[in-house]
Amino acid sequence: MIKAALAASAVVLTVVPCASAAVPMSADENEGGVSLSVKGSGLHVDKAGGFVEGQANGSKFRLYTVYKGSRHTLTRWKLATFASGGLTKMSYANWNLDRNFRAGTWLCVESNIKSGKPCAKIHR
């Protein structure tokens, strides 16, 4: 019984990363027809993107952050690129951010054609 408990705790210790380790981060959020994808490690965000189903001329996206209740625009409006796969058509925009954020910052995307504004929390 004690051996099993020690083995289980050893597994938990090897699976749970320490706060200083670089942990791969990936988040995908959806809200109101708009989706957000974030890739990075720890507090560093490499890439972020937003997409919606459908293709409408003039579709645009932009990123913003919210930290302790304050909203800050991160990017300008970016004209969407269209893609399709089978019967699915979509509009998307991607950014290579390559920057660090403070722990607890919310990274959000908004679209000019859909009302959703999904966010992903950046943390270690």
Protein backbone atom coordinates (compact mmCIF):
# COMPACT_ATOMS: atom_id res chain seq x y z
CA MET A 1 0.00 0.00 0.00
CA ILE A 2 2.80 2.44 0.90
CA LYS A 3 4.72 1.53 -2.27
CA ALA A 4 1.63 2.27 -4.38
CA ALA A 5 1.16 5.66 -2.67
CA LEU A 6 4.82 6.58 -3.19
CA ALA A 7 4.68 5.51 -6.84
CA ALA A 8 1.53 7.58 -7.40
CA SER A 9 3.06 10.66 -5.77
CA ALA A 10 6.24 10.24 -7.85
CA VAL A 11 4.13 10.19 -11.01
CA VAL A 12 2.28 13.34 -9.93
CA LEU A 13 5.57 15.10 -9.19
CA THR A 14 6.94 14.28 -12.63
CA VAL A 15 3.74 15.34 -14.43
CA VAL A 16 3.20 18.69 -12.66
CA PRO A 17 5.73 21.30 -13.89
CA CYS A 18 7.46 23.73 -11.59
CA ALA A 19 6.67 27.45 -11.93
CA SER A 20 9.99 28.27 -13.59
CA ALA A 21 9.76 25.59 -16.29
CA ALA A 22 8.73 26.54 -19.81
CA VAL A 23 5.43 24.79 -20.39
CA PRO A 24 3.98 24.60 -23.90
CA MET A 25 0.79 26.61 -24.04
CA SER A 26 -2.09 26.20 -26.42
CA ALA A 27 -5.58 27.62 -26.08
CA ASP A 28 -8.60 27.53 -28.32
CA GLU A 29 -11.67 29.53 -27.31
CA ASN A 30 -15.02 30.13 -29.03
CA GLU A 31 -17.67 32.76 -28.37
CA GLY A 32 -20.49 34.11 -30.48
CA GLY A 33 -19.20 32.58 -33.71
CA VAL A 34 -15.65 33.92 -33.27
CA SER A 35 -12.76 31.61 -32.36
CA LEU A 36 -9.35 32.39 -30.86
CA SER A 37 -6.22 30.27 -31.06
CA VAL A 38 -3.10 31.01 -28.98
CA LYS A 39 0.26 29.21 -29.11
CA GLY A 40 3.26 29.81 -26.85
CA SER A 41 5.08 28.79 -23.71
CA GLY A 42 4.47 30.13 -20.21
CA LEU A 43 3.99 33.90 -20.36
CA HIS A 44 5.40 34.08 -23.90
CA VAL A 45 2.96 34.08 -26.82
CA ASP A 46 4.38 33.07 -30.18
CA LYS A 47 1.26 33.18 -32.35
CA ALA A 48 -2.39 34.10 -32.07
CA GLY A 49 -5.21 34.00 -34.54
CA GLY A 50 -8.92 34.48 -34.92
CA PHE A 51 -11.43 32.96 -37.30
CA VAL A 52 -15.14 32.80 -38.08
CA GLU A 53 -17.15 30.46 -40.26
CA GLY A 54 -18.21 32.02 -43.52
CA GLN A 55 -16.57 34.38 -45.95
CA ALA A 56 -17.72 37.99 -46.05
CA ASN A 57 -15.94 40.74 -47.96
CA GLY A 58 -14.45 43.27 -45.57
CA SER A 59 -14.03 40.80 -42.68
CA LYS A 60 -11.42 42.06 -40.21
CA PHE A 61 -9.96 40.95 -36.90
CA ARG A 62 -7.90 42.57 -34.14
CA LEU A 63 -6.32 41.49 -30.88
CA TYR A 64 -6.61 43.25 -27.55
CA THR A 65 -5.59 42.54 -23.97
CA VAL A 66 -7.37 42.98 -20.67
CA TYR A 67 -5.29 43.25 -17.50
CA LYS A 68 -6.84 44.11 -14.13
CA GLY A 69 -9.94 45.46 -15.85
CA SER A 70 -8.10 47.72 -18.32
CA ARG A 71 -8.46 47.03 -22.04
CA HIS A 72 -5.59 47.81 -24.42
CA THR A 73 -5.67 47.37 -28.19
CA LEU A 74 -2.76 45.14 -29.22
CA THR A 75 -3.06 45.12 -33.04
CA ARG A 76 -4.75 47.17 -35.72
CA TRP A 77 -7.64 45.73 -37.70
CA LYS A 78 -6.32 43.08 -40.09
CA LEU A 79 -8.19 42.10 -43.25
CA ALA A 80 -9.21 38.45 -43.12
CA THR A 81 -7.91 35.74 -45.41
CA PHE A 82 -10.44 33.28 -46.81
CA ALA A 83 -10.05 29.51 -46.72
CA SER A 84 -12.26 26.53 -47.42
CA GLY A 85 -12.11 22.84 -46.76
CA GLY A 86 -14.81 20.70 -48.25
CA LEU A 87 -18.11 22.42 -47.55
CA THR A 88 -16.69 24.60 -44.73
CA LYS A 89 -15.73 28.17 -45.58
CA MET A 90 -13.98 30.43 -43.12
CA SER A 91 -12.30 33.81 -42.66
CA TYR A 92 -9.19 34.10 -40.50
CA ALA A 93 -6.28 36.32 -39.46
CA ASN A 94 -3.04 35.29 -37.75
CA TRP A 95 -0.34 37.26 -35.95
CA ASN A 96 3.25 36.31 -35.05
CA LEU A 97 3.37 38.13 -31.70
CA ASP A 98 6.61 36.76 -30.21
CA ARG A 99 6.19 38.70 -26.96
CA ASN A 100 5.80 38.24 -23.22
CA PHE A 101 2.75 39.19 -21.20
CA ARG A 102 2.13 39.63 -17.48
CA ALA A 103 0.57 36.68 -15.66
CA GLY A 104 -3.20 37.08 -15.53
CA THR A 105 -3.47 39.00 -18.81
CA TRP A 106 -6.41 38.06 -21.01
CA LEU A 107 -5.63 37.93 -24.75
CA CYS A 108 -8.80 38.46 -26.80
CA VAL A 109 -9.84 38.69 -30.45
CA GLU A 110 -12.73 40.55 -32.01
CA SER A 111 -14.25 40.56 -35.46
CA ASN A 112 -16.10 43.29 -37.28
CA ILE A 113 -18.74 40.83 -38.57
CA LYS A 114 -19.57 38.74 -35.46
CA SER A 115 -20.33 39.87 -31.91
CA GLY A 116 -18.26 37.28 -29.99
CA LYS A 117 -15.00 38.29 -28.28
CA PRO A 118 -13.33 35.11 -26.99
CA CYS A 119 -10.38 35.44 -24.59
CA ALA A 120 -7.62 33.17 -23.26
CA LYS A 121 -5.89 33.81 -19.92
CA ILE A 122 -2.09 33.94 -20.06
CA HIS A 123 -0.42 32.32 -17.05
CA ARG A 124 2.52 30.11 -16.16
